[in-house]
PDB file of N, CA and C in Angstrom:
ATOM      1  N   MET A   1       2.013   0.764   4.099  1.00  0.00           N
ATOM      2  CA  MET A   1       0.466   0.271   4.265  1.00  0.00           C
ATOM      3  C   MET A   1       0.870  -1.417   3.682  1.00  0.00           C
ATOM      4  N   ILE A   2       1.830  -1.087   3.149  1.00  0.00           N
ATOM      5  CA  ILE A   2       1.262  -3.045   2.483  1.00  0.00           C
ATOM      6  C   ILE A   2       2.557  -3.831   3.742  1.00  0.00           C
ATOM      7  N   LEU A   3       2.705  -3.277   4.762  1.00  0.00           N
ATOM      8  CA  LEU A   3       4.004  -3.778   5.533  1.00  0.00           C
ATOM      9  C   LEU A   3       2.683  -3.995   6.757  1.00  0.00           C
ATOM     10  N   LEU A   4       1.972  -3.203   6.994  1.00  0.00           N
ATOM     11  CA  LEU A   4       0.602  -3.355   7.977  1.00  0.00           C
ATOM     12  C   LEU A   4      -0.455  -4.175   7.458  1.00  0.00           C
ATOM     13  N   GLU A   5      -0.819  -4.568   5.872  1.00  0.00           N
ATOM     14  CA  GLU A   5      -1.543  -5.853   5.589  1.00  0.00           C
ATOM     15  C   GLU A   5      -0.773  -6.569   5.633  1.00  0.00           C
ATOM     16  N   ALA A   6       0.354  -7.116   5.688  1.00  0.00           N
ATOM     17  CA  ALA A   6       1.483  -8.305   5.590  1.00  0.00           C
ATOM     18  C   ALA A   6       0.726  -8.908   7.047  1.00  0.00           C
ATOM     19  N   MET A   7       1.215  -7.571   7.741  1.00  0.00           N
ATOM     20  CA  MET A   7       1.256  -8.244   9.139  1.00  0.00           C
ATOM     21  C   MET A   7      -0.123  -8.715   9.676  1.00  0.00           C
ATOM     22  N   SER A   8      -1.023  -8.097   9.455  1.00  0.00           N
ATOM     23  CA  SER A   8      -2.524  -8.494   9.092  1.00  0.00           C
ATOM     24  C   SER A   8      -2.929  -9.830   8.700  1.00  0.00           C
ATOM     25  N   ALA A   9      -2.289  -9.667   7.668  1.00  0.00           N
ATOM     26  CA  ALA A   9      -2.263 -11.271   7.584  1.00  0.00           C
ATOM     27  C   ALA A   9      -1.904 -12.416   7.400  1.00  0.00           C
ATOM     28  N   ARG A  10      -1.056 -11.941   8.728  1.00  0.00           N
ATOM     29  CA  ARG A  10       0.071 -13.056   9.672  1.00  0.00           C
ATOM     30  C   ARG A  10       0.926 -13.733   8.602  1.00  0.00           C
ATOM     31  N   VAL A  11       1.317 -12.981   7.287  1.00  0.00           N
ATOM     32  CA  VAL A  11       2.325 -13.175   6.726  1.00  0.00           C
ATOM     33  C   VAL A  11       4.082 -13.451   7.337  1.00  0.00           C
ATOM     34  N   PRO A  12       4.370 -14.067   7.027  1.00  0.00           N
ATOM     35  CA  PRO A  12       6.071 -13.358   7.636  1.00  0.00           C
ATOM     36  C   PRO A  12       6.949 -12.423   7.137  1.00  0.00           C
ATOM     37  N   VAL A  13       7.150 -11.595   7.491  1.00  0.00           N
ATOM     38  CA  VAL A  13       7.995 -10.324   6.991  1.00  0.00           C
ATOM     39  C   VAL A  13       9.517 -10.314   7.166  1.00  0.00           C
ATOM     40  N   VAL A  14      10.045 -10.370   6.209  1.00  0.00           N
ATOM     41  CA  VAL A  14      11.329  -9.843   6.093  1.00  0.00           C
ATOM     42  C   VAL A  14      11.335  -8.267   5.322  1.00  0.00           C
ATOM     43  N   ALA A  15      12.238  -7.373   6.298  1.00  0.00           N
ATOM     44  CA  ALA A  15      11.885  -6.282   5.948  1.00  0.00           C
ATOM     45  C   ALA A  15      13.181  -5.237   5.975  1.00  0.00           C
ATOM     46  N   THR A  16      13.306  -4.358   5.031  1.00  0.00           N
ATOM     47  CA  THR A  16      14.621  -3.576   5.126  1.00  0.00           C
ATOM     48  C   THR A  16      14.603  -2.365   6.343  1.00  0.00           C
ATOM     49  N   ARG A  17      15.651  -2.179   7.088  1.00  0.00           N
ATOM     50  CA  ARG A  17      15.434  -1.160   8.491  1.00  0.00           C
ATOM     51  C   ARG A  17      15.469   0.285   7.310  1.00  0.00           C
ATOM     52  N   VAL A  18      14.546   0.638   7.202  1.00  0.00           N
ATOM     53  CA  VAL A  18      14.107   2.143   6.779  1.00  0.00           C
ATOM     54  C   VAL A  18      12.824   2.893   7.295  1.00  0.00           C
ATOM     55  N   GLY A  19      13.305   4.332   7.233  1.00  0.00           N
ATOM     56  CA  GLY A  19      12.001   4.876   7.915  1.00  0.00           C
ATOM     57  C   GLY A  19      11.104   4.112   9.423  1.00  0.00           C
ATOM     58  N   ASP A  20       9.592   3.934   9.365  1.00  0.00           N
ATOM     59  CA  ASP A  20       9.616   3.409  10.904  1.00  0.00           C
ATOM     60  C   ASP A  20       9.730   2.003  10.478  1.00  0.00           C
ATOM     61  N   ILE A  21       9.431   1.552   9.841  1.00  0.00           N
ATOM     62  CA  ILE A  21       9.610  -0.371   9.990  1.00  0.00           C
ATOM     63  C   ILE A  21       9.714  -0.621  11.157  1.00  0.00           C
ATOM     64  N   PRO A  22      11.155  -0.073  11.504  1.00  0.00           N
ATOM     65  CA  PRO A  22      12.040  -1.603  12.581  1.00  0.00           C
ATOM     66  C   PRO A  22      10.828  -0.793  14.076  1.00  0.00           C
ATOM     67  N   ALA A  23      10.474   0.221  14.355  1.00  0.00           N
ATOM     68  CA  ALA A  23       9.571   0.338  14.860  1.00  0.00           C
ATOM     69  C   ALA A  23       8.246  -0.565  15.020  1.00  0.00           C
ATOM     70  N   VAL A  24       7.790   0.047  13.710  1.00  0.00           N
ATOM     71  CA  VAL A  24       6.685  -0.454  13.563  1.00  0.00           C
ATOM     72  C   VAL A  24       6.643  -2.463  13.526  1.00  0.00           C
ATOM     73  N   LEU A  25       7.515  -3.309  13.329  1.00  0.00           N
ATOM     74  CA  LEU A  25       8.088  -4.191  13.487  1.00  0.00           C
ATOM     75  C   LEU A  25       8.352  -4.922  14.633  1.00  0.00           C
ATOM     76  N   GLY A  26       9.504  -3.923  15.371  1.00  0.00           N
ATOM     77  CA  GLY A  26      10.219  -4.269  16.311  1.00  0.00           C
ATOM     78  C   GLY A  26      10.609  -5.718  16.652  1.00  0.00           C
ATOM     79  N   ASP A  27      10.549  -6.596  17.173  1.00  0.00           N
ATOM     80  CA  ASP A  27      11.217  -8.182  17.347  1.00  0.00           C
ATOM     81  C   ASP A  27      10.617  -9.047  16.522  1.00  0.00           C
ATOM     82  N   LEU A  28       9.466  -8.696  15.653  1.00  0.00           N
ATOM     83  CA  LEU A  28       8.506  -9.308  15.526  1.00  0.00           C
ATOM     84  C   LEU A  28       8.695  -9.793  14.096  1.00  0.00           C
ATOM     85  N   SER A  29       9.841  -9.552  13.101  1.00  0.00           N
ATOM     86  CA  SER A  29      10.250  -9.984  12.099  1.00  0.00           C
ATOM     87  C   SER A  29      11.936  -9.482  12.222  1.00  0.00           C
ATOM     88  N   VAL A  30      12.713 -10.395  10.901  1.00  0.00           N
ATOM     89  CA  VAL A  30      13.736 -10.210  10.719  1.00  0.00           C
ATOM     90  C   VAL A  30      14.047  -8.672   9.731  1.00  0.00           C
ATOM     91  N   LEU A  31      14.966  -8.186  10.350  1.00  0.00           N
ATOM     92  CA  LEU A  31      15.334  -7.169   9.320  1.00  0.00           C
ATOM     93  C   LEU A  31      16.494  -6.868   8.896  1.00  0.00           C
ATOM     94  N   VAL A  32      16.991  -6.010   7.376  1.00  0.00           N
ATOM     95  CA  VAL A  32      17.887  -6.006   7.514  1.00  0.00           C
ATOM     96  C   VAL A  32      18.486  -4.975   6.650  1.00  0.00           C
ATOM     97  N   GLU A  33      19.944  -4.342   6.453  1.00  0.00           N
ATOM     98  CA  GLU A  33      20.487  -2.904   5.876  1.00  0.00           C
ATOM     99  C   GLU A  33      19.219  -3.230   4.958  1.00  0.00           C
ATOM    100  N   PRO A  34      19.378  -1.927   4.111  1.00  0.00           N
ATOM    101  CA  PRO A  34      18.683  -1.460   2.874  1.00  0.00           C
ATOM    102  C   PRO A  34      19.610  -1.864   1.660  1.00  0.00           C
ATOM    103  N   ASP A  35      19.478  -2.046   0.388  1.00  0.00           N
ATOM    104  CA  ASP A  35      20.325  -2.205  -0.477  1.00  0.00           C
ATOM    105  C   ASP A  35      21.578  -3.499   0.003  1.00  0.00           C
ATOM    106  N   ASP A  36      20.759  -4.755   0.699  1.00  0.00           N
ATOM    107  CA  ASP A  36      22.205  -5.536   0.871  1.00  0.00           C
ATOM    108  C   ASP A  36      21.518  -6.676   0.146  1.00  0.00           C
ATOM    109  N   ASP A  37      21.400  -6.972  -0.811  1.00  0.00           N
ATOM    110  CA  ASP A  37      20.818  -8.302  -1.623  1.00  0.00           C
ATOM    111  C   ASP A  37      21.461  -9.786  -0.870  1.00  0.00           C
ATOM    112  N   LYS A  38      22.610  -9.786  -0.595  1.00  0.00           N
ATOM    113  CA  LYS A  38      22.842 -10.761   0.133  1.00  0.00           C
ATOM    114  C   LYS A  38      22.246 -11.018   1.696  1.00  0.00           C
ATOM    115  N   ALA A  39      22.084  -9.884   2.419  1.00  0.00           N
ATOM    116  CA  ALA A  39      21.302 -10.052   3.496  1.00  0.00           C
ATOM    117  C   ALA A  39      20.328 -10.564   3.468  1.00  0.00           C
ATOM    118  N   MET A  40      19.260  -9.830   2.357  1.00  0.00           N
ATOM    119  CA  MET A  40      17.944 -10.028   2.546  1.00  0.00           C
ATOM    120  C   MET A  40      17.731 -11.416   1.887  1.00  0.00           C
ATOM    121  N   ALA A  41      18.547 -11.798   1.128  1.00  0.00           N
ATOM    122  CA  ALA A  41      18.837 -13.412   0.139  1.00  0.00           C
ATOM    123  C   ALA A  41      18.973 -14.303   2.043  1.00  0.00           C
ATOM    124  N   ALA A  42      20.181 -13.933   2.473  1.00  0.00           N
ATOM    125  CA  ALA A  42      20.588 -14.634   4.161  1.00  0.00           C
ATOM    126  C   ALA A  42      19.292 -15.096   4.817  1.00  0.00           C
ATOM    127  N   ALA A  43      18.387 -13.718   4.675  1.00  0.00           N
ATOM    128  CA  ALA A  43      17.173 -13.856   5.759  1.00  0.00           C
ATOM    129  C   ALA A  43      15.881 -14.700   5.400  1.00  0.00           C
ATOM    130  N   LEU A  44      15.893 -14.469   3.938  1.00  0.00           N
ATOM    131  CA  LEU A  44      15.086 -15.094   3.699  1.00  0.00           C
ATOM    132  C   LEU A  44      14.777 -17.008   4.022  1.00  0.00           C
ATOM    133  N   ALA A  45      15.673 -17.506   3.402  1.00  0.00           N
ATOM    134  CA  ALA A  45      16.163 -18.296   3.884  1.00  0.00           C
ATOM    135  C   ALA A  45      15.369 -19.108   4.754  1.00  0.00           C
ATOM    136  N   PRO A  46      15.957 -19.085   6.022  1.00  0.00           N
ATOM    137  CA  PRO A  46      15.766 -18.990   7.528  1.00  0.00           C
ATOM    138  C   PRO A  46      14.582 -19.096   7.885  1.00  0.00           C
ATOM    139  N   THR A  47      13.627 -17.560   7.388  1.00  0.00           N
ATOM    140  CA  THR A  47      12.050 -18.074   7.612  1.00  0.00           C
ATOM    141  C   THR A  47      11.496 -19.440   6.713  1.00  0.00           C
ATOM    142  N   ILE A  48      11.814 -19.916   5.424  1.00  0.00           N
ATOM    143  CA  ILE A  48      11.442 -21.229   4.981  1.00  0.00           C
ATOM    144  C   ILE A  48      11.687 -21.969   6.133  1.00  0.00           C
ATOM    145  N   ASP A  49      12.535 -22.174   6.628  1.00  0.00           N
ATOM    146  CA  ASP A  49      13.352 -23.087   6.931  1.00  0.00           C
ATOM    147  C   ASP A  49      12.593 -23.541   8.589  1.00  0.00           C
ATOM    148  N   GLU A  50      12.192 -22.698   8.744  1.00  0.00           N
ATOM    149  CA  GLU A  50      12.025 -22.301  10.531  1.00  0.00           C
ATOM    150  C   GLU A  50      10.156 -21.563  10.878  1.00  0.00           C
ATOM    151  N   LEU A  51       9.697 -22.508   9.572  1.00  0.00           N
ATOM    152  CA  LEU A  51       8.121 -21.433   9.240  1.00  0.00           C
ATOM    153  C   LEU A  51       7.793 -21.390  11.033  1.00  0.00           C
ATOM    154  N   PRO A  52       7.756 -22.692  11.286  1.00  0.00           N
ATOM    155  CA  PRO A  52       6.918 -22.074  12.373  1.00  0.00           C
ATOM    156  C   PRO A  52       6.836 -21.383  13.489  1.00  0.00           C
ATOM    157  N   ARG A  53       8.372 -21.026  13.836  1.00  0.00           N
ATOM    158  CA  ARG A  53       8.484 -19.772  14.281  1.00  0.00           C
ATOM    159  C   ARG A  53       8.527 -18.530  13.831  1.00  0.00           C
ATOM    160  N   HIS A  54       8.574 -18.438  12.848  1.00  0.00           N
ATOM    161  CA  HIS A  54       8.327 -17.007  11.612  1.00  0.00           C
ATOM    162  C   HIS A  54       6.424 -17.141  11.617  1.00  0.00           C
ATOM    163  N   ARG A  55       5.704 -18.416  11.450  1.00  0.00           N
ATOM    164  CA  ARG A  55       4.486 -17.753  12.145  1.00  0.00           C
ATOM    165  C   ARG A  55       3.850 -17.391  13.493  1.00  0.00           C
ATOM    166  N   GLU A  56       4.453 -17.992  14.240  1.00  0.00           N
ATOM    167  CA  GLU A  56       4.395 -17.607  15.579  1.00  0.00           C
ATOM    168  C   GLU A  56       4.889 -15.722  15.881  1.00  0.00           C
ATOM    169  N   LEU A  57       5.656 -15.473  14.833  1.00  0.00           N
ATOM    170  CA  LEU A  57       5.737 -13.899  14.572  1.00  0.00           C
ATOM    171  C   LEU A  57       4.793 -13.505  14.179  1.00  0.00           C
ATOM    172  N   ALA A  58       4.030 -13.796  13.354  1.00  0.00           N
ATOM    173  CA  ALA A  58       3.396 -13.578  12.256  1.00  0.00           C
ATOM    174  C   ALA A  58       2.200 -13.335  13.122  1.00  0.00           C
ATOM    175  N   VAL A  59       1.577 -14.063  13.325  1.00  0.00           N
ATOM    176  CA  VAL A  59       0.463 -13.834  14.742  1.00  0.00           C
ATOM    177  C   VAL A  59       0.386 -12.938  15.820  1.00  0.00           C
ATOM    178  N   ARG A  60       1.872 -12.759  16.135  1.00  0.00           N
ATOM    179  CA  ARG A  60       2.204 -11.740  16.969  1.00  0.00           C
ATOM    180  C   ARG A  60       2.050 -10.487  16.687  1.00  0.00           C
ATOM    181  N   ALA A  61       2.328 -10.402  15.147  1.00  0.00           N
ATOM    182  CA  ALA A  61       2.509  -8.959  14.562  1.00  0.00           C
ATOM    183  C   ALA A  61       0.886  -8.754  14.157  1.00  0.00           C
ATOM    184  N   ALA A  62       0.443  -9.533  13.804  1.00  0.00           N
ATOM    185  CA  ALA A  62      -1.412  -9.549  13.683  1.00  0.00           C
ATOM    186  C   ALA A  62      -1.760  -8.947  14.184  1.00  0.00           C
ATOM    187  N   HIS A  63      -1.548  -9.504  15.815  1.00  0.00           N
ATOM    188  CA  HIS A  63      -2.390  -8.656  17.251  1.00  0.00           C
ATOM    189  C   HIS A  63      -1.428  -7.188  17.290  1.00  0.00           C
ATOM    190  N   ARG A  64      -0.365  -6.770  16.846  1.00  0.00           N
ATOM    191  CA  ARG A  64       0.179  -5.695  17.209  1.00  0.00           C
ATOM    192  C   ARG A  64      -0.114  -4.453  16.141  1.00  0.00           C
ATOM    193  N   VAL A  65      -0.658  -5.099  14.939  1.00  0.00           N
ATOM    194  CA  VAL A  65      -1.470  -4.283  14.242  1.00  0.00           C
ATOM    195  C   VAL A  65      -3.064  -4.124  14.621  1.00  0.00           C
ATOM    196  N   ALA A  66      -3.512  -5.044  15.166  1.00  0.00           N
ATOM    197  CA  ALA A  66      -4.829  -4.800  15.324  1.00  0.00           C
ATOM    198  C   ALA A  66      -5.115  -3.881  16.931  1.00  0.00           C
ATOM    199  N   THR A  67      -3.906  -4.031  17.412  1.00  0.00           N
ATOM    200  CA  THR A  67      -4.057  -3.330  18.502  1.00  0.00           C
ATOM    201  C   THR A  67      -3.806  -1.806  18.322  1.00  0.00           C
ATOM    202  N   ASN A  68      -2.485  -1.442  17.796  1.00  0.00           N
ATOM    203  CA  ASN A  68      -1.987  -0.300  17.787  1.00  0.00           C
ATOM    204  C   ASN A  68      -2.436   0.433  16.157  1.00  0.00           C
ATOM    205  N   TYR A  69      -2.628  -0.440  14.879  1.00  0.00           N
ATOM    206  CA  TYR A  69      -2.691   0.405  13.855  1.00  0.00           C
ATOM    207  C   TYR A  69      -3.947   0.329  12.998  1.00  0.00           C
ATOM    208  N   SER A  70      -5.172  -0.657  13.629  1.00  0.00           N
ATOM    209  CA  SER A  70      -6.671  -0.906  13.684  1.00  0.00           C
ATOM    210  C   SER A  70      -7.042   0.636  13.107  1.00  0.00           C
ATOM    211  N   ALA A  71      -8.284   0.736  12.683  1.00  0.00           N
ATOM    212  CA  ALA A  71      -9.238   2.135  12.242  1.00  0.00           C
ATOM    213  C   ALA A  71      -9.240   2.774  13.530  1.00  0.00           C
ATOM    214  N   ALA A  72      -9.878   1.616  14.489  1.00  0.00           N
ATOM    215  CA  ALA A  72     -10.458   1.803  15.961  1.00  0.00           C
ATOM    216  C   ALA A  72      -9.189   2.449  16.671  1.00  0.00           C
ATOM    217  N   ALA A  73      -8.028   1.762  17.013  1.00  0.00           N
ATOM    218  CA  ALA A  73      -6.889   2.698  17.428  1.00  0.00           C
ATOM    219  C   ALA A  73      -6.221   3.776  16.556  1.00  0.00           C
ATOM    220  N   MET A  74      -6.326   4.047  15.510  1.00  0.00           N
ATOM    221  CA  MET A  74      -5.953   5.394  15.221  1.00  0.00           C
ATOM    222  C   MET A  74      -6.568   6.206  15.429  1.00  0.00           C
ATOM    223  N   ALA A  75      -8.093   6.235  15.185  1.00  0.00           N
ATOM    224  CA  ALA A  75      -9.281   6.873  15.681  1.00  0.00           C
ATOM    225  C   ALA A  75      -9.077   7.804  16.994  1.00  0.00           C
ATOM    226  N   ASP A  76      -8.481   6.798  18.081  1.00  0.00           N
ATOM    227  CA  ASP A  76      -9.097   6.813  19.758  1.00  0.00           C
ATOM    228  C   ASP A  76      -7.153   7.521  19.753  1.00  0.00           C
ATOM    229  N   ARG A  77      -6.634   7.203  19.567  1.00  0.00           N
ATOM    230  CA  ARG A  77      -5.684   8.370  19.014  1.00  0.00           C
ATOM    231  C   ARG A  77      -5.406   9.550  18.581  1.00  0.00           C
ATOM    232  N   CYS A  78      -6.298   9.686  17.391  1.00  0.00           N
ATOM    233  CA  CYS A  78      -6.434  10.910  16.620  1.00  0.00           C
ATOM    234  C   CYS A  78      -7.283  11.785  17.612  1.00  0.00           C
ATOM    235  N   ALA A  79      -8.339  11.168  18.337  1.00  0.00           N
ATOM    236  CA  ALA A  79      -9.374  11.736  19.547  1.00  0.00           C
ATOM    237  C   ALA A  79      -8.539  12.136  20.714  1.00  0.00           C
ATOM    238  N   ALA A  80      -7.608  11.466  21.195  1.00  0.00           N
ATOM    239  CA  ALA A  80      -6.986  12.271  22.049  1.00  0.00           C
ATOM    240  C   ALA A  80      -6.021  12.955  21.907  1.00  0.00           C
ATOM    241  N   VAL A  81      -5.570  13.540  20.677  1.00  0.00           N
ATOM    242  CA  VAL A  81      -4.799  14.842  19.993  1.00  0.00           C
ATOM    243  C   VAL A  81      -5.758  15.681  19.956  1.00  0.00           C
ATOM    244  N   TYR A  82      -7.216  15.892  19.682  1.00  0.00           N
ATOM    245  CA  TYR A  82      -7.805  16.839  20.058  1.00  0.00           C
ATOM    246  C   TYR A  82      -8.156  17.427  20.743  1.00  0.00           C
ATOM    247  N   GLN A  83      -8.323  16.389  21.857  1.00  0.00           N
ATOM    248  CA  GLN A  83      -8.814  16.331  23.058  1.00  0.00           C
ATOM    249  C   GLN A  83      -7.834  17.416  23.907  1.00  0.00           C
ATOM    250  N   SER A  84      -6.757  16.733  23.354  1.00  0.00           N
ATOM    251  CA  SER A  84      -5.271  17.837  24.463  1.00  0.00           C
ATOM    252  C   SER A  84      -5.332  18.960  23.911  1.00  0.00           C
ATOM    253  N   VAL A  85      -5.596  19.176  22.837  1.00  0.00           N
ATOM    254  CA  VAL A  85      -5.023  20.623  22.012  1.00  0.00           C
ATOM    255  C   VAL A  85      -6.760  21.822  22.059  1.00  0.00           C
ATOM    256  N   CYS A  86      -8.219  20.877  22.596  1.00  0.00           N
ATOM    257  CA  CYS A  86      -8.874  21.650  23.067  1.00  0.00           C
ATOM    258  C   CYS A  86      -8.896  22.080  24.526  1.00  0.00           C
ATOM    259  N   ALA A  87      -8.156  21.008  25.448  1.00  0.00           N
ATOM    260  CA  ALA A  87      -8.647  21.380  27.008  1.00  0.00           C
ATOM    261  C   ALA A  87      -6.936  22.575  27.527  1.00  0.00           C
ATOM    262  N   THR A  88      -5.878  22.559  26.102  1.00  0.00           N
ATOM    263  CA  THR A  88      -4.884  23.916  26.316  1.00  0.00           C
ATOM    264  C   THR A  88      -5.685  25.077  25.746  1.00  0.00           C
ATOM    265  N   ARG A  89      -6.778  25.373  25.380  1.00  0.00           N
ATOM    266  CA  ARG A  89      -6.972  26.977  24.929  1.00  0.00           C
ATOM    267  C   ARG A  89      -8.045  27.120  25.672  1.00  0.00           C
TER     268      ARG A  89
END
């Protein structure tokens, strides 16, 4: 949830490549390997130095959350699953 909350708040995100994080973020963030402190530190510095570019990525990430992960979007997907199941019976 914290990832989606950060994206919604238009905060530039630097994250590790674990679980579904790469799928959620796509090309809208900097991703590093887990347990690689040096890579994380190296990824954070450009986020500050290139803040306008990372803010644009953050705006696009917020749009992705609103489109794909909002309560309405999740309810629509859930309803589609129920309709699909009911249609096969």
